[in-house]
Amino acid sequence: MLFYVICYDIPDDKRRKKISDLLEGYGSRVQYSVFECVLPDKKYKELQTRIKKIYKSEEDNLRFYPVSSHTLIKVEVWGIGAEITQPATSVIV
């Protein structure tokens, strides 16, 4: 599993709502257009496939930042809001 920061800038209200609703099913909203997601590779690919059906490359901007475990421990959260999304400590197969 990897930790991802996913952010977007989508000018169309309807499309932005669809993508934000989709992302809420995969992770935690930490700012208006920023999500933290802890996903296995299969779920990450599934999410990208679903987003590709909604977004318009000529109008929208989406960014997917994978954060490695050695970098994740150095993340700082300042101000109000939830703490950083915690990756699962164990996985049941």
PDB file of N, CA and C in Angstrom:
ATOM      1  N   MET A   1       0.835  -1.180   0.000  1.00  0.00           N
ATOM      2  CA  MET A   1       0.000   0.000   0.000  1.00  0.00           C
ATOM      3  C   MET A   1       0.875   1.236   0.000  1.00  0.00           C
ATOM      4  N   LEU A   2       0.405   2.238  -0.703  1.00  0.00           N
ATOM      5  CA  LEU A   2       1.105   3.508  -0.729  1.00  0.00           C
ATOM      6  C   LEU A   2       0.174   4.618  -0.270  1.00  0.00           C
ATOM      7  N   PHE A   3       0.777   5.654   0.256  1.00  0.00           N
ATOM      8  CA  PHE A   3       0.074   6.856   0.674  1.00  0.00           C
ATOM      9  C   PHE A   3       0.133   7.836  -0.495  1.00  0.00           C
ATOM     10  N   TYR A   4      -1.014   8.374  -0.886  1.00  0.00           N
ATOM     11  CA  TYR A   4      -1.075   9.324  -1.991  1.00  0.00           C
ATOM     12  C   TYR A   4      -1.721  10.625  -1.529  1.00  0.00           C
ATOM     13  N   VAL A   5      -1.185  11.721  -2.004  1.00  0.00           N
ATOM     14  CA  VAL A   5      -1.849  13.008  -1.890  1.00  0.00           C
ATOM     15  C   VAL A   5      -2.391  13.297  -3.290  1.00  0.00           C
ATOM     16  N   ILE A   6      -3.684  13.500  -3.368  1.00  0.00           N
ATOM     17  CA  ILE A   6      -4.334  13.749  -4.655  1.00  0.00           C
ATOM     18  C   ILE A   6      -5.018  15.114  -4.574  1.00  0.00           C
ATOM     19  N   CYS A   7      -4.691  15.968  -5.530  1.00  0.00           N
ATOM     20  CA  CYS A   7      -5.294  17.299  -5.536  1.00  0.00           C
ATOM     21  C   CYS A   7      -5.778  17.629  -6.948  1.00  0.00           C
ATOM     22  N   TYR A   8      -6.688  18.573  -6.999  1.00  0.00           N
ATOM     23  CA  TYR A   8      -7.267  18.888  -8.295  1.00  0.00           C
ATOM     24  C   TYR A   8      -7.666  20.351  -8.381  1.00  0.00           C
ATOM     25  N   ASP A   9      -7.755  20.816  -9.609  1.00  0.00           N
ATOM     26  CA  ASP A   9      -8.304  22.124  -9.945  1.00  0.00           C
ATOM     27  C   ASP A   9      -9.215  21.879 -11.133  1.00  0.00           C
ATOM     28  N   ILE A  10     -10.512  21.915 -10.890  1.00  0.00           N
ATOM     29  CA  ILE A  10     -11.493  21.584 -11.912  1.00  0.00           C
ATOM     30  C   ILE A  10     -12.505  22.730 -11.996  1.00  0.00           C
ATOM     31  N   PRO A  11     -12.545  23.444 -13.121  1.00  0.00           N
ATOM     32  CA  PRO A  11     -13.405  24.628 -13.224  1.00  0.00           C
ATOM     33  C   PRO A  11     -14.909  24.346 -13.295  1.00  0.00           C
ATOM     34  N   ASP A  12     -15.290  23.175 -13.772  1.00  0.00           N
ATOM     35  CA  ASP A  12     -16.705  22.845 -13.929  1.00  0.00           C
ATOM     36  C   ASP A  12     -17.274  22.282 -12.620  1.00  0.00           C
ATOM     37  N   ASP A  13     -18.313  22.927 -12.079  1.00  0.00           N
ATOM     38  CA  ASP A  13     -18.888  22.535 -10.789  1.00  0.00           C
ATOM     39  C   ASP A  13     -19.378  21.091 -10.775  1.00  0.00           C
ATOM     40  N   LYS A  14     -20.073  20.687 -11.810  1.00  0.00           N
ATOM     41  CA  LYS A  14     -20.653  19.345 -11.857  1.00  0.00           C
ATOM     42  C   LYS A  14     -19.545  18.278 -11.894  1.00  0.00           C
ATOM     43  N   ARG A  15     -18.550  18.500 -12.722  1.00  0.00           N
ATOM     44  CA  ARG A  15     -17.441  17.543 -12.838  1.00  0.00           C
ATOM     45  C   ARG A  15     -16.610  17.522 -11.551  1.00  0.00           C
ATOM     46  N   ARG A  16     -16.387  18.695 -10.961  1.00  0.00           N
ATOM     47  CA  ARG A  16     -15.643  18.775  -9.705  1.00  0.00           C
ATOM     48  C   ARG A  16     -16.360  17.988  -8.605  1.00  0.00           C
ATOM     49  N   LYS A  17     -17.678  18.108  -8.539  1.00  0.00           N
ATOM     50  CA  LYS A  17     -18.461  17.378  -7.536  1.00  0.00           C
ATOM     51  C   LYS A  17     -18.353  15.879  -7.757  1.00  0.00           C
ATOM     52  N   LYS A  18     -18.418  15.431  -9.002  1.00  0.00           N
ATOM     53  CA  LYS A  18     -18.305  13.997  -9.291  1.00  0.00           C
ATOM     54  C   LYS A  18     -16.951  13.457  -8.845  1.00  0.00           C
ATOM     55  N   ILE A  19     -15.898  14.196  -9.131  1.00  0.00           N
ATOM     56  CA  ILE A  19     -14.556  13.728  -8.760  1.00  0.00           C
ATOM     57  C   ILE A  19     -14.361  13.774  -7.250  1.00  0.00           C
ATOM     58  N   SER A  20     -14.846  14.813  -6.593  1.00  0.00           N
ATOM     59  CA  SER A  20     -14.691  14.866  -5.135  1.00  0.00           C
ATOM     60  C   SER A  20     -15.485  13.750  -4.464  1.00  0.00           C
ATOM     61  N   ASP A  21     -16.691  13.466  -4.952  1.00  0.00           N
ATOM     62  CA  ASP A  21     -17.482  12.357  -4.414  1.00  0.00           C
ATOM     63  C   ASP A  21     -16.755  11.025  -4.613  1.00  0.00           C
ATOM     64  N   LEU A  22     -16.168  10.856  -5.775  1.00  0.00           N
ATOM     65  CA  LEU A  22     -15.421   9.639  -6.057  1.00  0.00           C
ATOM     66  C   LEU A  22     -14.236   9.500  -5.097  1.00  0.00           C
ATOM     67  N   LEU A  23     -13.474  10.569  -4.926  1.00  0.00           N
ATOM     68  CA  LEU A  23     -12.300  10.524  -4.046  1.00  0.00           C
ATOM     69  C   LEU A  23     -12.679  10.271  -2.591  1.00  0.00           C
ATOM     70  N   GLU A  24     -13.835  10.762  -2.162  1.00  0.00           N
ATOM     71  CA  GLU A  24     -14.271  10.511  -0.784  1.00  0.00           C
ATOM     72  C   GLU A  24     -14.455   9.024  -0.512  1.00  0.00           C
ATOM     73  N   GLY A  25     -14.693   8.241  -1.544  1.00  0.00           N
ATOM     74  CA  GLY A  25     -14.812   6.797  -1.383  1.00  0.00           C
ATOM     75  C   GLY A  25     -13.469   6.087  -1.284  1.00  0.00           C
ATOM     76  N   TYR A  26     -12.394   6.812  -1.534  1.00  0.00           N
ATOM     77  CA  TYR A  26     -11.059   6.207  -1.534  1.00  0.00           C
ATOM     78  C   TYR A  26     -10.132   6.783  -0.465  1.00  0.00           C
ATOM     79  N   GLY A  27     -10.507   7.917   0.112  1.00  0.00           N
ATOM     80  CA  GLY A  27      -9.594   8.538   1.067  1.00  0.00           C
ATOM     81  C   GLY A  27     -10.278   9.605   1.894  1.00  0.00           C
ATOM     82  N   SER A  28      -9.455  10.469   2.497  1.00  0.00           N
ATOM     83  CA  SER A  28      -9.950  11.512   3.390  1.00  0.00           C
ATOM     84  C   SER A  28      -9.672  12.884   2.790  1.00  0.00           C
ATOM     85  N   ARG A  29     -10.697  13.727   2.801  1.00  0.00           N
ATOM     86  CA  ARG A  29     -10.511  15.107   2.350  1.00  0.00           C
ATOM     87  C   ARG A  29      -9.786  15.858   3.458  1.00  0.00           C
ATOM     88  N   VAL A  30      -8.661  16.487   3.113  1.00  0.00           N
ATOM     89  CA  VAL A  30      -7.909  17.251   4.105  1.00  0.00           C
ATOM     90  C   VAL A  30      -7.951  18.748   3.831  1.00  0.00           C
ATOM     91  N   GLN A  31      -8.271  19.122   2.622  1.00  0.00           N
ATOM     92  CA  GLN A  31      -8.559  20.498   2.243  1.00  0.00           C
ATOM     93  C   GLN A  31      -9.601  20.422   1.136  1.00  0.00           C
ATOM     94  N   TYR A  32     -10.116  21.561   0.716  1.00  0.00           N
ATOM     95  CA  TYR A  32     -11.232  21.540  -0.226  1.00  0.00           C
ATOM     96  C   TYR A  32     -10.942  20.692  -1.462  1.00  0.00           C
ATOM     97  N   SER A  33      -9.768  20.810  -2.037  1.00  0.00           N
ATOM     98  CA  SER A  33      -9.460  20.040  -3.248  1.00  0.00           C
ATOM     99  C   SER A  33      -8.247  19.141  -3.068  1.00  0.00           C
ATOM    100  N   VAL A  34      -8.029  18.679  -1.836  1.00  0.00           N
ATOM    101  CA  VAL A  34      -6.879  17.816  -1.536  1.00  0.00           C
ATOM    102  C   VAL A  34      -7.352  16.617  -0.715  1.00  0.00           C
ATOM    103  N   PHE A  35      -6.945  15.432  -1.167  1.00  0.00           N
ATOM    104  CA  PHE A  35      -7.295  14.199  -0.476  1.00  0.00           C
ATOM    105  C   PHE A  35      -6.031  13.424  -0.120  1.00  0.00           C
ATOM    106  N   GLU A  36      -6.088  12.701   0.992  1.00  0.00           N
ATOM    107  CA  GLU A  36      -5.053  11.735   1.356  1.00  0.00           C
ATOM    108  C   GLU A  36      -5.670  10.356   1.238  1.00  0.00           C
ATOM    109  N   CYS A  37      -4.990   9.477   0.533  1.00  0.00           N
ATOM    110  CA  CYS A  37      -5.504   8.130   0.298  1.00  0.00           C
ATOM    111  C   CYS A  37      -4.404   7.109   0.563  1.00  0.00           C
ATOM    112  N   VAL A  38      -4.745   6.059   1.259  1.00  0.00           N
ATOM    113  CA  VAL A  38      -3.838   4.930   1.458  1.00  0.00           C
ATOM    114  C   VAL A  38      -4.432   3.778   0.654  1.00  0.00           C
ATOM    115  N   LEU A  39      -3.732   3.423  -0.432  1.00  0.00           N
ATOM    116  CA  LEU A  39      -4.322   2.486  -1.383  1.00  0.00           C
ATOM    117  C   LEU A  39      -3.342   1.418  -1.831  1.00  0.00           C
ATOM    118  N   PRO A  40      -3.822   0.178  -1.936  1.00  0.00           N
ATOM    119  CA  PRO A  40      -3.018  -0.835  -2.616  1.00  0.00           C
ATOM    120  C   PRO A  40      -2.998  -0.516  -4.104  1.00  0.00           C
ATOM    121  N   ASP A  41      -2.045  -1.048  -4.808  1.00  0.00           N
ATOM    122  CA  ASP A  41      -1.858  -0.746  -6.222  1.00  0.00           C
ATOM    123  C   ASP A  41      -3.133  -0.974  -7.038  1.00  0.00           C
ATOM    124  N   LYS A  42      -3.837  -2.052  -6.762  1.00  0.00           N
ATOM    125  CA  LYS A  42      -5.055  -2.379  -7.517  1.00  0.00           C
ATOM    126  C   LYS A  42      -6.123  -1.295  -7.339  1.00  0.00           C
ATOM    127  N   LYS A  43      -6.325  -0.821  -6.120  1.00  0.00           N
ATOM    128  CA  LYS A  43      -7.314   0.225  -5.851  1.00  0.00           C
ATOM    129  C   LYS A  43      -6.897   1.552  -6.481  1.00  0.00           C
ATOM    130  N   TYR A  44      -5.594   1.846  -6.448  1.00  0.00           N
ATOM    131  CA  TYR A  44      -5.082   3.080  -7.053  1.00  0.00           C
ATOM    132  C   TYR A  44      -5.359   3.088  -8.556  1.00  0.00           C
ATOM    133  N   LYS A  45      -5.090   1.978  -9.214  1.00  0.00           N
ATOM    134  CA  LYS A  45      -5.356   1.876 -10.649  1.00  0.00           C
ATOM    135  C   LYS A  45      -6.853   1.967 -10.940  1.00  0.00           C
ATOM    136  N   GLU A  46      -7.666   1.352 -10.085  1.00  0.00           N
ATOM    137  CA  GLU A  46      -9.118   1.429 -10.224  1.00  0.00           C
ATOM    138  C   GLU A  46      -9.582   2.886 -10.105  1.00  0.00           C
ATOM    139  N   LEU A  47      -9.067   3.604  -9.125  1.00  0.00           N
ATOM    140  CA  LEU A  47      -9.417   5.011  -8.941  1.00  0.00           C
ATOM    141  C   LEU A  47      -9.047   5.830 -10.176  1.00  0.00           C
ATOM    142  N   GLN A  48      -7.849   5.639 -10.683  1.00  0.00           N
ATOM    143  CA  GLN A  48      -7.431   6.393 -11.863  1.00  0.00           C
ATOM    144  C   GLN A  48      -8.310   6.075 -13.074  1.00  0.00           C
ATOM    145  N   THR A  49      -8.672   4.829 -13.242  1.00  0.00           N
ATOM    146  CA  THR A  49      -9.553   4.432 -14.348  1.00  0.00           C
ATOM    147  C   THR A  49     -10.904   5.131 -14.233  1.00  0.00           C
ATOM    148  N   ARG A  50     -11.436   5.191 -13.030  1.00  0.00           N
ATOM    149  CA  ARG A  50     -12.737   5.832 -12.824  1.00  0.00           C
ATOM    150  C   ARG A  50     -12.658   7.345 -13.037  1.00  0.00           C
ATOM    151  N   ILE A  51     -11.552   7.956 -12.585  1.00  0.00           N
ATOM    152  CA  ILE A  51     -11.386   9.401 -12.771  1.00  0.00           C
ATOM    153  C   ILE A  51     -11.241   9.735 -14.255  1.00  0.00           C
ATOM    154  N   LYS A  52     -10.517   8.913 -14.998  1.00  0.00           N
ATOM    155  CA  LYS A  52     -10.316   9.168 -16.431  1.00  0.00           C
ATOM    156  C   LYS A  52     -11.635   9.259 -17.189  1.00  0.00           C
ATOM    157  N   LYS A  53     -12.673   8.593 -16.697  1.00  0.00           N
ATOM    158  CA  LYS A  53     -13.982   8.623 -17.348  1.00  0.00           C
ATOM    159  C   LYS A  53     -14.718   9.939 -17.094  1.00  0.00           C
ATOM    160  N   ILE A  54     -14.264  10.711 -16.099  1.00  0.00           N
ATOM    161  CA  ILE A  54     -14.956  11.936 -15.708  1.00  0.00           C
ATOM    162  C   ILE A  54     -14.224  13.194 -16.160  1.00  0.00           C
ATOM    163  N   TYR A  55     -12.917  13.224 -15.972  1.00  0.00           N
ATOM    164  CA  TYR A  55     -12.186  14.474 -16.164  1.00  0.00           C
ATOM    165  C   TYR A  55     -11.944  14.800 -17.636  1.00  0.00           C
ATOM    166  N   LYS A  56     -11.693  16.084 -17.893  1.00  0.00           N
ATOM    167  CA  LYS A  56     -11.377  16.558 -19.241  1.00  0.00           C
ATOM    168  C   LYS A  56      -9.958  17.114 -19.220  1.00  0.00           C
ATOM    169  N   SER A  57      -9.081  16.468 -19.958  1.00  0.00           N
ATOM    170  CA  SER A  57      -7.660  16.828 -19.928  1.00  0.00           C
ATOM    171  C   SER A  57      -7.393  18.247 -20.418  1.00  0.00           C
ATOM    172  N   GLU A  58      -8.249  18.775 -21.277  1.00  0.00           N
ATOM    173  CA  GLU A  58      -8.019  20.114 -21.813  1.00  0.00           C
ATOM    174  C   GLU A  58      -8.499  21.214 -20.854  1.00  0.00           C
ATOM    175  N   GLU A  59      -9.205  20.843 -19.783  1.00  0.00           N
ATOM    176  CA  GLU A  59      -9.724  21.839 -18.837  1.00  0.00           C
ATOM    177  C   GLU A  59      -9.282  21.612 -17.393  1.00  0.00           C
ATOM    178  N   ASP A  60      -9.087  20.366 -17.005  1.00  0.00           N
ATOM    179  CA  ASP A  60      -8.864  20.024 -15.597  1.00  0.00           C
ATOM    180  C   ASP A  60      -7.394  19.754 -15.293  1.00  0.00           C
ATOM    181  N   ASN A  61      -7.064  19.869 -14.016  1.00  0.00           N
ATOM    182  CA  ASN A  61      -5.719  19.560 -13.543  1.00  0.00           C
ATOM    183  C   ASN A  61      -5.839  18.669 -12.320  1.00  0.00           C
ATOM    184  N   LEU A  62      -5.324  17.455 -12.431  1.00  0.00           N
ATOM    185  CA  LEU A  62      -5.279  16.528 -11.300  1.00  0.00           C
ATOM    186  C   LEU A  62      -3.829  16.140 -11.075  1.00  0.00           C
ATOM    187  N   ARG A  63      -3.461  15.999  -9.797  1.00  0.00           N
ATOM    188  CA  ARG A  63      -2.095  15.597  -9.449  1.00  0.00           C
ATOM    189  C   ARG A  63      -2.162  14.476  -8.426  1.00  0.00           C
ATOM    190  N   PHE A  64      -1.327  13.466  -8.648  1.00  0.00           N
ATOM    191  CA  PHE A  64      -1.253  12.297  -7.782  1.00  0.00           C
ATOM    192  C   PHE A  64       0.176  12.211  -7.253  1.00  0.00           C
ATOM    193  N   TYR A  65       0.339  12.448  -5.972  1.00  0.00           N
ATOM    194  CA  TYR A  65       1.673  12.416  -5.370  1.00  0.00           C
ATOM    195  C   TYR A  65       1.814  11.190  -4.466  1.00  0.00           C
ATOM    196  N   PRO A  66       2.626  10.211  -4.865  1.00  0.00           N
ATOM    197  CA  PRO A  66       2.890   9.094  -3.952  1.00  0.00           C
ATOM    198  C   PRO A  66       3.886   9.569  -2.898  1.00  0.00           C
ATOM    199  N   VAL A  67       3.644   9.191  -1.648  1.00  0.00           N
ATOM    200  CA  VAL A  67       4.517   9.588  -0.547  1.00  0.00           C
ATOM    201  C   VAL A  67       5.089   8.314   0.070  1.00  0.00           C
ATOM    202  N   SER A  68       6.394   8.195   0.048  1.00  0.00           N
ATOM    203  CA  SER A  68       7.036   6.988   0.583  1.00  0.00           C
ATOM    204  C   SER A  68       6.978   6.988   2.112  1.00  0.00           C
ATOM    205  N   SER A  69       7.128   5.823   2.714  1.00  0.00           N
ATOM    206  CA  SER A  69       7.037   5.706   4.166  1.00  0.00           C
ATOM    207  C   SER A  69       8.125   6.508   4.876  1.00  0.00           C
ATOM    208  N   HIS A  70       9.327   6.589   4.292  1.00  0.00           N
ATOM    209  CA  HIS A  70      10.374   7.354   4.975  1.00  0.00           C
ATOM    210  C   HIS A  70      10.138   8.865   4.856  1.00  0.00           C
ATOM    211  N   THR A  71       9.396   9.308   3.859  1.00  0.00           N
ATOM    212  CA  THR A  71       9.037  10.718   3.734  1.00  0.00           C
ATOM    213  C   THR A  71       7.782  11.026   4.552  1.00  0.00           C
ATOM    214  N   LEU A  72       6.873  10.074   4.625  1.00  0.00           N
ATOM    215  CA  LEU A  72       5.608  10.264   5.331  1.00  0.00           C
ATOM    216  C   LEU A  72       5.823  10.622   6.798  1.00  0.00           C
ATOM    217  N   ILE A  73       6.813  10.037   7.427  1.00  0.00           N
ATOM    218  CA  ILE A  73       7.056  10.324   8.850  1.00  0.00           C
ATOM    219  C   ILE A  73       7.550  11.759   9.070  1.00  0.00           C
ATOM    220  N   LYS A  74       7.956  12.438   7.999  1.00  0.00           N
ATOM    221  CA  LYS A  74       8.445  13.806   8.106  1.00  0.00           C
ATOM    222  C   LYS A  74       7.371  14.851   7.781  1.00  0.00           C
ATOM    223  N   VAL A  75       6.172  14.398   7.437  1.00  0.00           N
ATOM    224  CA  VAL A  75       5.089  15.325   7.105  1.00  0.00           C
ATOM    225  C   VAL A  75       4.676  16.088   8.360  1.00  0.00           C
ATOM    226  N   GLU A  76       4.497  17.387   8.222  1.00  0.00           N
ATOM    227  CA  GLU A  76       4.040  18.231   9.312  1.00  0.00           C
ATOM    228  C   GLU A  76       2.648  18.751   8.985  1.00  0.00           C
ATOM    229  N   VAL A  77       1.784  18.769   9.973  1.00  0.00           N
ATOM    230  CA  VAL A  77       0.444  19.323   9.820  1.00  0.00           C
ATOM    231  C   VAL A  77       0.343  20.514  10.755  1.00  0.00           C
ATOM    232  N   TRP A  78       0.087  21.678  10.214  1.00  0.00           N
ATOM    233  CA  TRP A  78      -0.039  22.907  10.996  1.00  0.00           C
ATOM    234  C   TRP A  78      -1.485  23.390  10.955  1.00  0.00           C
ATOM    235  N   GLY A  79      -1.941  23.974  12.017  1.00  0.00           N
ATOM    236  CA  GLY A  79      -3.260  24.600  12.030  1.00  0.00           C
ATOM    237  C   GLY A  79      -4.388  23.628  12.294  1.00  0.00           C
ATOM    238  N   ILE A  80      -5.575  24.089  11.946  1.00  0.00           N
ATOM    239  CA  ILE A  80      -6.776  23.305  12.236  1.00  0.00           C
ATOM    240  C   ILE A  80      -6.936  22.169  11.234  1.00  0.00           C
ATOM    241  N   GLY A  81      -7.780  21.244  11.577  1.00  0.00           N
ATOM    242  CA  GLY A  81      -8.070  20.140  10.663  1.00  0.00           C
ATOM    243  C   GLY A  81      -7.581  18.813  11.215  1.00  0.00           C
ATOM    244  N   ALA A  82      -7.930  17.798  10.504  1.00  0.00           N
ATOM    245  CA  ALA A  82      -7.588  16.442  10.923  1.00  0.00           C
ATOM    246  C   ALA A  82      -6.092  16.186  10.802  1.00  0.00           C
ATOM    247  N   GLU A  83      -5.624  15.275  11.603  1.00  0.00           N
ATOM    248  CA  GLU A  83      -4.241  14.823  11.492  1.00  0.00           C
ATOM    249  C   GLU A  83      -4.072  14.073  10.183  1.00  0.00           C
ATOM    250  N   ILE A  84      -2.852  13.786   9.844  1.00  0.00           N
ATOM    251  CA  ILE A  84      -2.559  13.067   8.607  1.00  0.00           C
ATOM    252  C   ILE A  84      -3.219  11.686   8.643  1.00  0.00           C
ATOM    253  N   THR A  85      -3.708  11.250   7.511  1.00  0.00           N
ATOM    254  CA  THR A  85      -4.327   9.940   7.377  1.00  0.00           C
ATOM    255  C   THR A  85      -3.288   8.872   7.686  1.00  0.00           C
ATOM    256  N   GLN A  86      -3.635   7.953   8.558  1.00  0.00           N
ATOM    257  CA  GLN A  86      -2.674   6.930   8.961  1.00  0.00           C
ATOM    258  C   GLN A  86      -2.843   5.668   8.123  1.00  0.00           C
ATOM    259  N   PRO A  87      -1.736   5.192   7.552  1.00  0.00           N
ATOM    260  CA  PRO A  87      -1.791   3.905   6.842  1.00  0.00           C
ATOM    261  C   PRO A  87      -2.114   2.780   7.821  1.00  0.00           C
ATOM    262  N   ALA A  88      -2.745   1.744   7.340  1.00  0.00           N
ATOM    263  CA  ALA A  88      -3.060   0.599   8.183  1.00  0.00           C
ATOM    264  C   ALA A  88      -1.784  -0.041   8.688  1.00  0.00           C
ATOM    265  N   THR A  89      -1.815  -0.497   9.942  1.00  0.00           N
ATOM    266  CA  THR A  89      -0.639  -1.146  10.501  1.00  0.00           C
ATOM    267  C   THR A  89      -0.576  -2.622  10.136  1.00  0.00           C
ATOM    268  N   SER A  90      -1.714  -3.181   9.718  1.00  0.00           N
ATOM    269  CA  SER A  90      -1.711  -4.567   9.266  1.00  0.00           C
ATOM    270  C   SER A  90      -2.762  -4.732   8.173  1.00  0.00           C
ATOM    271  N   VAL A  91      -2.576  -5.773   7.398  1.00  0.00           N
ATOM    272  CA  VAL A  91      -3.491  -6.041   6.301  1.00  0.00           C
ATOM    273  C   VAL A  91      -4.016  -7.463   6.446  1.00  0.00           C
ATOM    274  N   ILE A  92      -5.318  -7.611   6.361  1.00  0.00           N
ATOM    275  CA  ILE A  92      -5.928  -8.949   6.411  1.00  0.00           C
ATOM    276  C   ILE A  92      -6.157  -9.401   4.985  1.00  0.00           C
ATOM    277  N   VAL A  93      -5.642 -10.567   4.645  1.00  0.00           N
ATOM    278  CA  VAL A  93      -5.762 -11.078   3.284  1.00  0.00           C
ATOM    279  C   VAL A  93      -6.763 -12.209   3.256  1.00  0.00           C
TER     280      VAL A  93
END
